């Protein structure tokens, strides 16, 4: 199973370095202390077998998503429906709403009531 890390690194104006300001990962990810130099954190992750799969930047710093092993990709039939009204059937019941987000193992649906539901992809029986 793929291990993952999501890491945010921000610019520190006083000393001119970029440090880790947020860090989250699966159980197999090495621990990285907040405040660690971004280059050091990325080297630790690289040494542990993690590879950058996505990186974005803004005026304040950088965000990274790293994986090890085979990266799980969301089902294309769900990705193609983002922003559309869908009906999702699960063993727990039927949900109707706008598909907002498709992750590797969960989707997010906005119901007409304004409620946001997270539905594990393995529990989906049908989408229409």
N, C-alpha and C. Protein backbone atom coordinates (compact mmCIF):
# COMPACT_ATOMS: atom_id res chain seq x y z
N UNK A 1 0.84 -1.18 0.00
CA UNK A 1 0.00 0.00 0.00
C UNK A 1 0.89 1.24 0.00
N UNK A 2 0.49 2.24 -0.73
CA UNK A 2 1.26 3.48 -0.84
C UNK A 2 1.20 4.26 0.47
N UNK A 3 2.32 4.83 0.84
CA UNK A 3 2.40 5.74 1.98
C UNK A 3 2.41 7.16 1.41
N UNK A 4 1.93 8.12 2.18
CA UNK A 4 1.86 9.48 1.66
C UNK A 4 2.23 10.50 2.73
N UNK A 5 2.59 11.70 2.26
CA UNK A 5 2.88 12.84 3.11
C UNK A 5 2.34 14.08 2.41
N UNK A 6 1.71 14.95 3.19
CA UNK A 6 1.32 16.28 2.72
C UNK A 6 2.05 17.26 3.62
N UNK A 7 2.80 18.18 3.01
CA UNK A 7 3.66 19.07 3.78
C UNK A 7 3.55 20.50 3.26
N UNK A 8 3.44 21.44 4.17
CA UNK A 8 3.42 22.86 3.83
C UNK A 8 4.68 23.50 4.39
N UNK A 9 5.37 24.28 3.56
CA UNK A 9 6.59 24.97 3.97
C UNK A 9 6.42 26.45 3.66
N UNK A 10 6.68 27.29 4.66
CA UNK A 10 6.50 28.73 4.49
C UNK A 10 7.81 29.48 4.69
N UNK A 11 7.90 30.63 4.03
CA UNK A 11 9.05 31.52 4.10
C UNK A 11 9.04 32.24 5.45
N UNK A 12 10.18 32.25 6.14
CA UNK A 12 10.31 32.95 7.42
C UNK A 12 11.10 34.23 7.14
N UNK A 13 10.44 35.39 7.14
CA UNK A 13 11.10 36.63 6.75
C UNK A 13 12.30 37.03 7.61
N UNK A 14 12.30 36.72 8.89
CA UNK A 14 13.38 37.18 9.76
C UNK A 14 14.72 36.55 9.44
N UNK A 15 14.71 35.24 9.07
CA UNK A 15 15.99 34.61 8.80
C UNK A 15 16.12 34.13 7.36
N UNK A 16 15.11 34.37 6.53
CA UNK A 16 15.21 34.10 5.11
C UNK A 16 15.24 32.64 4.71
N UNK A 17 14.74 31.74 5.57
CA UNK A 17 14.68 30.33 5.19
C UNK A 17 13.24 29.88 5.02
N UNK A 18 13.07 28.72 4.43
CA UNK A 18 11.75 28.13 4.26
C UNK A 18 11.67 26.92 5.18
N UNK A 19 10.67 26.91 6.06
CA UNK A 19 10.56 25.84 7.06
C UNK A 19 9.20 25.15 6.97
N UNK A 20 9.16 23.93 7.50
CA UNK A 20 7.92 23.15 7.54
C UNK A 20 6.98 23.78 8.56
N UNK A 21 5.77 24.12 8.11
CA UNK A 21 4.77 24.72 9.00
C UNK A 21 3.57 23.81 9.22
N UNK A 22 3.38 22.80 8.38
CA UNK A 22 2.30 21.82 8.57
C UNK A 22 2.78 20.51 7.97
N UNK A 23 2.45 19.40 8.64
CA UNK A 23 2.93 18.10 8.19
C UNK A 23 1.93 17.03 8.57
N UNK A 24 1.57 16.19 7.61
CA UNK A 24 0.67 15.08 7.86
C UNK A 24 1.08 13.92 6.97
N UNK A 25 1.04 12.71 7.50
CA UNK A 25 1.43 11.56 6.70
C UNK A 25 0.82 10.28 7.21
N UNK A 26 0.92 9.25 6.41
CA UNK A 26 0.43 7.94 6.81
C UNK A 26 1.36 7.33 7.85
N UNK A 27 0.97 6.19 8.40
CA UNK A 27 1.71 5.57 9.49
C UNK A 27 3.16 5.27 9.14
N UNK A 28 3.46 5.01 7.87
CA UNK A 28 4.82 4.68 7.47
C UNK A 28 5.71 5.86 7.18
N UNK A 29 5.20 7.05 7.31
CA UNK A 29 5.98 8.26 7.00
C UNK A 29 6.88 8.62 8.18
N UNK A 30 8.10 9.08 7.90
CA UNK A 30 8.97 9.51 9.01
C UNK A 30 8.42 10.78 9.64
N UNK A 31 8.71 10.98 10.92
CA UNK A 31 8.24 12.21 11.56
C UNK A 31 9.17 13.36 11.18
N UNK A 32 8.57 14.50 10.94
CA UNK A 32 9.31 15.72 10.61
C UNK A 32 8.80 16.80 11.56
N UNK A 33 9.69 17.41 12.31
CA UNK A 33 9.29 18.45 13.27
C UNK A 33 8.94 19.74 12.55
N UNK A 34 7.90 20.41 13.04
CA UNK A 34 7.58 21.73 12.51
C UNK A 34 8.77 22.64 12.78
N UNK A 35 9.08 23.49 11.82
CA UNK A 35 10.23 24.37 11.94
C UNK A 35 11.48 23.82 11.28
N UNK A 36 11.42 22.55 10.82
CA UNK A 36 12.55 21.96 10.12
C UNK A 36 12.75 22.66 8.79
N UNK A 37 13.99 22.90 8.41
CA UNK A 37 14.30 23.49 7.11
C UNK A 37 13.66 22.63 6.02
N UNK A 38 13.01 23.24 5.04
CA UNK A 38 12.30 22.51 3.99
C UNK A 38 13.22 21.57 3.22
N UNK A 39 14.43 22.01 2.91
CA UNK A 39 15.36 21.16 2.16
C UNK A 39 15.74 19.92 2.96
N UNK A 40 15.92 20.09 4.26
CA UNK A 40 16.25 18.95 5.13
C UNK A 40 15.08 17.98 5.17
N UNK A 41 13.87 18.50 5.32
CA UNK A 41 12.66 17.65 5.37
C UNK A 41 12.50 16.86 4.07
N UNK A 42 12.69 17.52 2.95
CA UNK A 42 12.56 16.83 1.66
C UNK A 42 13.64 15.77 1.50
N UNK A 43 14.85 16.02 2.01
CA UNK A 43 15.92 15.02 1.95
C UNK A 43 15.59 13.81 2.81
N UNK A 44 15.04 14.04 4.00
CA UNK A 44 14.63 12.94 4.89
C UNK A 44 13.58 12.07 4.19
N UNK A 45 12.61 12.72 3.56
CA UNK A 45 11.55 11.99 2.87
C UNK A 45 12.10 11.24 1.66
N UNK A 46 13.00 11.87 0.92
CA UNK A 46 13.62 11.21 -0.22
C UNK A 46 14.40 9.97 0.23
N UNK A 47 15.13 10.09 1.32
CA UNK A 47 15.90 8.96 1.86
C UNK A 47 14.99 7.83 2.34
N UNK A 48 13.73 8.15 2.64
CA UNK A 48 12.76 7.15 3.09
C UNK A 48 11.94 6.58 1.94
N UNK A 49 12.28 6.97 0.70
CA UNK A 49 11.60 6.41 -0.46
C UNK A 49 10.42 7.21 -0.97
N UNK A 50 10.21 8.40 -0.45
CA UNK A 50 9.09 9.22 -0.89
C UNK A 50 9.50 10.05 -2.11
N UNK A 51 8.56 10.22 -3.02
CA UNK A 51 8.79 11.04 -4.21
C UNK A 51 7.72 12.12 -4.29
N UNK A 52 8.11 13.32 -4.72
CA UNK A 52 7.16 14.41 -4.88
C UNK A 52 6.25 14.08 -6.07
N UNK A 53 4.94 14.06 -5.80
CA UNK A 53 3.96 13.82 -6.86
C UNK A 53 3.27 15.11 -7.26
N UNK A 54 3.22 16.07 -6.34
CA UNK A 54 2.58 17.35 -6.63
C UNK A 54 3.23 18.43 -5.78
N UNK A 55 3.50 19.57 -6.38
CA UNK A 55 4.07 20.70 -5.65
C UNK A 55 3.45 21.97 -6.19
N UNK A 56 3.03 22.83 -5.27
CA UNK A 56 2.47 24.12 -5.66
C UNK A 56 3.14 25.20 -4.82
N UNK A 57 3.09 26.42 -5.31
CA UNK A 57 3.67 27.52 -4.56
C UNK A 57 2.73 28.71 -4.58
N UNK A 58 2.90 29.57 -3.60
CA UNK A 58 2.18 30.83 -3.55
C UNK A 58 3.14 31.87 -2.98
N UNK A 59 2.65 33.05 -2.68
CA UNK A 59 3.52 34.13 -2.20
C UNK A 59 4.16 33.82 -0.85
N UNK A 60 3.59 32.88 -0.09
CA UNK A 60 4.09 32.59 1.26
C UNK A 60 4.98 31.36 1.36
N UNK A 61 4.93 30.47 0.34
CA UNK A 61 5.75 29.27 0.44
C UNK A 61 5.32 28.19 -0.53
N UNK A 62 5.49 26.93 -0.09
CA UNK A 62 5.27 25.78 -0.96
C UNK A 62 4.43 24.72 -0.26
N UNK A 63 3.68 23.95 -1.06
CA UNK A 63 2.94 22.79 -0.58
C UNK A 63 3.37 21.59 -1.39
N UNK A 64 3.61 20.46 -0.70
CA UNK A 64 4.08 19.25 -1.35
C UNK A 64 3.18 18.07 -0.99
N UNK A 65 2.96 17.19 -1.97
CA UNK A 65 2.35 15.89 -1.73
C UNK A 65 3.35 14.86 -2.22
N UNK A 66 3.72 13.94 -1.34
CA UNK A 66 4.73 12.93 -1.66
C UNK A 66 4.15 11.54 -1.42
N UNK A 67 4.54 10.58 -2.24
CA UNK A 67 4.09 9.20 -2.11
C UNK A 67 5.27 8.27 -2.19
N UNK A 68 5.11 7.10 -1.62
CA UNK A 68 6.04 6.01 -1.81
C UNK A 68 5.23 4.81 -2.29
N UNK A 69 5.83 3.95 -3.08
CA UNK A 69 5.09 2.81 -3.61
C UNK A 69 4.19 3.24 -4.76
N UNK A 70 3.24 2.40 -5.07
CA UNK A 70 2.32 2.70 -6.16
C UNK A 70 1.27 3.69 -5.68
N UNK A 71 1.22 4.84 -6.32
CA UNK A 71 0.23 5.84 -5.95
C UNK A 71 -1.14 5.38 -6.41
N UNK A 72 -2.09 5.45 -5.50
CA UNK A 72 -3.47 5.10 -5.82
C UNK A 72 -4.10 6.28 -6.52
N UNK A 73 -4.74 6.04 -7.65
CA UNK A 73 -5.40 7.12 -8.37
C UNK A 73 -6.91 6.95 -8.26
N UNK A 74 -7.64 8.05 -8.18
CA UNK A 74 -9.09 7.97 -8.09
C UNK A 74 -9.69 7.42 -9.38
N UNK A 75 -10.84 6.75 -9.27
CA UNK A 75 -11.48 6.21 -10.47
C UNK A 75 -11.87 7.33 -11.44
N UNK A 76 -11.51 7.19 -12.72
CA UNK A 76 -11.80 8.24 -13.71
C UNK A 76 -13.30 8.54 -13.85
N UNK A 77 -14.15 7.51 -13.67
CA UNK A 77 -15.59 7.76 -13.82
C UNK A 77 -16.11 8.71 -12.75
N UNK A 78 -15.40 8.83 -11.63
CA UNK A 78 -15.79 9.81 -10.61
C UNK A 78 -15.17 11.16 -10.90
N UNK A 79 -13.90 11.18 -11.27
CA UNK A 79 -13.21 12.44 -11.55
C UNK A 79 -13.93 13.21 -12.65
N UNK A 80 -14.42 12.49 -13.66
CA UNK A 80 -15.12 13.13 -14.78
C UNK A 80 -16.45 13.76 -14.37
N UNK A 81 -16.96 13.42 -13.18
CA UNK A 81 -18.26 13.92 -12.74
C UNK A 81 -18.16 15.06 -11.72
N UNK A 82 -16.95 15.52 -11.41
CA UNK A 82 -16.79 16.61 -10.43
C UNK A 82 -17.57 17.83 -10.91
N UNK A 83 -18.34 18.42 -9.98
CA UNK A 83 -19.15 19.60 -10.29
C UNK A 83 -20.55 19.25 -10.77
N UNK A 84 -20.83 17.97 -10.99
CA UNK A 84 -22.14 17.53 -11.47
C UNK A 84 -22.99 16.99 -10.33
N UNK A 85 -24.29 17.03 -10.53
CA UNK A 85 -25.22 16.40 -9.59
C UNK A 85 -25.17 14.89 -9.82
N UNK A 86 -24.98 14.14 -8.75
CA UNK A 86 -24.88 12.68 -8.84
C UNK A 86 -25.75 12.03 -7.78
N UNK A 87 -26.09 10.79 -8.02
CA UNK A 87 -26.74 9.95 -7.02
C UNK A 87 -25.78 8.81 -6.73
N UNK A 88 -25.47 8.62 -5.46
CA UNK A 88 -24.52 7.60 -5.03
C UNK A 88 -25.29 6.58 -4.20
N UNK A 89 -25.17 5.31 -4.58
CA UNK A 89 -25.79 4.24 -3.81
C UNK A 89 -24.73 3.52 -3.01
N UNK A 90 -24.99 3.36 -1.71
CA UNK A 90 -24.11 2.60 -0.82
C UNK A 90 -24.98 1.63 -0.03
N UNK A 91 -24.35 0.73 0.70
CA UNK A 91 -25.11 -0.19 1.56
C UNK A 91 -25.87 0.57 2.64
N UNK A 92 -25.38 1.76 3.02
CA UNK A 92 -26.01 2.57 4.06
C UNK A 92 -27.17 3.41 3.54
N UNK A 93 -27.31 3.54 2.22
CA UNK A 93 -28.39 4.33 1.65
C UNK A 93 -27.98 5.04 0.38
N UNK A 94 -28.88 5.90 -0.08
CA UNK A 94 -28.67 6.64 -1.32
C UNK A 94 -28.44 8.11 -1.00
N UNK A 95 -27.44 8.69 -1.63
CA UNK A 95 -27.09 10.10 -1.43
C UNK A 95 -27.17 10.80 -2.76
N UNK A 96 -27.77 11.99 -2.78
CA UNK A 96 -27.84 12.81 -3.99
C UNK A 96 -27.25 14.17 -3.66
N UNK A 97 -26.44 14.68 -4.58
CA UNK A 97 -25.86 15.99 -4.39
C UNK A 97 -24.81 16.28 -5.45
N UNK A 98 -24.09 17.36 -5.26
CA UNK A 98 -23.06 17.77 -6.21
C UNK A 98 -21.73 17.16 -5.76
N UNK A 99 -21.08 16.44 -6.66
CA UNK A 99 -19.78 15.85 -6.39
C UNK A 99 -18.75 16.97 -6.39
N UNK A 100 -18.14 17.22 -5.23
CA UNK A 100 -17.20 18.33 -5.09
C UNK A 100 -15.74 17.92 -5.17
N UNK A 101 -15.42 16.74 -4.65
CA UNK A 101 -14.03 16.34 -4.53
C UNK A 101 -13.93 14.84 -4.68
N UNK A 102 -12.89 14.39 -5.39
CA UNK A 102 -12.61 12.96 -5.50
C UNK A 102 -11.17 12.75 -5.05
N UNK A 103 -11.01 12.04 -3.95
CA UNK A 103 -9.68 11.70 -3.45
C UNK A 103 -9.31 10.29 -3.88
N UNK A 104 -8.23 9.78 -3.32
CA UNK A 104 -7.81 8.43 -3.69
C UNK A 104 -8.70 7.37 -3.07
N UNK A 105 -9.35 7.68 -1.94
CA UNK A 105 -10.20 6.68 -1.31
C UNK A 105 -11.51 7.23 -0.75
N UNK A 106 -11.81 8.49 -1.05
CA UNK A 106 -13.03 9.10 -0.54
C UNK A 106 -13.52 10.17 -1.51
N UNK A 107 -14.84 10.38 -1.52
CA UNK A 107 -15.40 11.49 -2.30
C UNK A 107 -16.15 12.42 -1.36
N UNK A 108 -16.32 13.66 -1.80
CA UNK A 108 -17.07 14.66 -1.04
C UNK A 108 -18.26 15.09 -1.86
N UNK A 109 -19.45 15.02 -1.23
CA UNK A 109 -20.70 15.37 -1.91
C UNK A 109 -21.40 16.46 -1.11
N UNK A 110 -21.84 17.52 -1.79
CA UNK A 110 -22.62 18.59 -1.18
C UNK A 110 -24.09 18.29 -1.41
N UNK A 111 -24.82 18.00 -0.33
CA UNK A 111 -26.25 17.69 -0.45
C UNK A 111 -27.05 18.98 -0.65
N UNK A 112 -28.27 18.88 -1.19
CA UNK A 112 -29.12 20.07 -1.37
C UNK A 112 -29.38 20.83 -0.07
N UNK A 113 -29.31 20.14 1.08
CA UNK A 113 -29.53 20.77 2.38
C UNK A 113 -28.34 21.62 2.83
N UNK A 114 -27.21 21.49 2.11
CA UNK A 114 -25.98 22.19 2.50
C UNK A 114 -25.03 21.31 3.28
N UNK A 115 -25.46 20.11 3.65
CA UNK A 115 -24.59 19.18 4.35
C UNK A 115 -23.51 18.67 3.40
N UNK A 116 -22.32 18.48 3.92
CA UNK A 116 -21.21 17.92 3.14
C UNK A 116 -20.95 16.52 3.67
N UNK A 117 -20.95 15.54 2.77
CA UNK A 117 -20.73 14.15 3.15
C UNK A 117 -19.43 13.64 2.54
N UNK A 118 -18.69 12.88 3.33
CA UNK A 118 -17.52 12.18 2.85
C UNK A 118 -17.90 10.70 2.74
N UNK A 119 -17.72 10.13 1.56
CA UNK A 119 -18.12 8.76 1.31
C UNK A 119 -16.90 7.96 0.87
N UNK A 120 -16.55 6.90 1.62
CA UNK A 120 -15.43 6.06 1.20
C UNK A 120 -15.73 5.40 -0.15
N UNK A 121 -14.79 5.48 -1.08
CA UNK A 121 -14.99 4.92 -2.41
C UNK A 121 -15.30 3.43 -2.36
N UNK A 122 -14.65 2.63 -1.49
CA UNK A 122 -14.98 1.20 -1.47
C UNK A 122 -16.42 0.90 -1.08
N UNK A 123 -17.11 1.85 -0.44
CA UNK A 123 -18.50 1.59 -0.02
C UNK A 123 -19.52 1.96 -1.11
N UNK A 124 -19.06 2.50 -2.25
CA UNK A 124 -19.96 2.91 -3.33
C UNK A 124 -20.36 1.70 -4.17
N UNK A 125 -21.67 1.50 -4.32
CA UNK A 125 -22.20 0.41 -5.14
C UNK A 125 -22.56 0.88 -6.54
N UNK A 126 -23.00 2.14 -6.68
CA UNK A 126 -23.40 2.67 -7.98
C UNK A 126 -23.33 4.19 -7.97
N UNK A 127 -23.06 4.75 -9.15
CA UNK A 127 -23.04 6.21 -9.33
C UNK A 127 -23.82 6.50 -10.60
N UNK A 128 -24.80 7.38 -10.51
CA UNK A 128 -25.52 7.79 -11.71
C UNK A 128 -26.05 9.19 -11.54
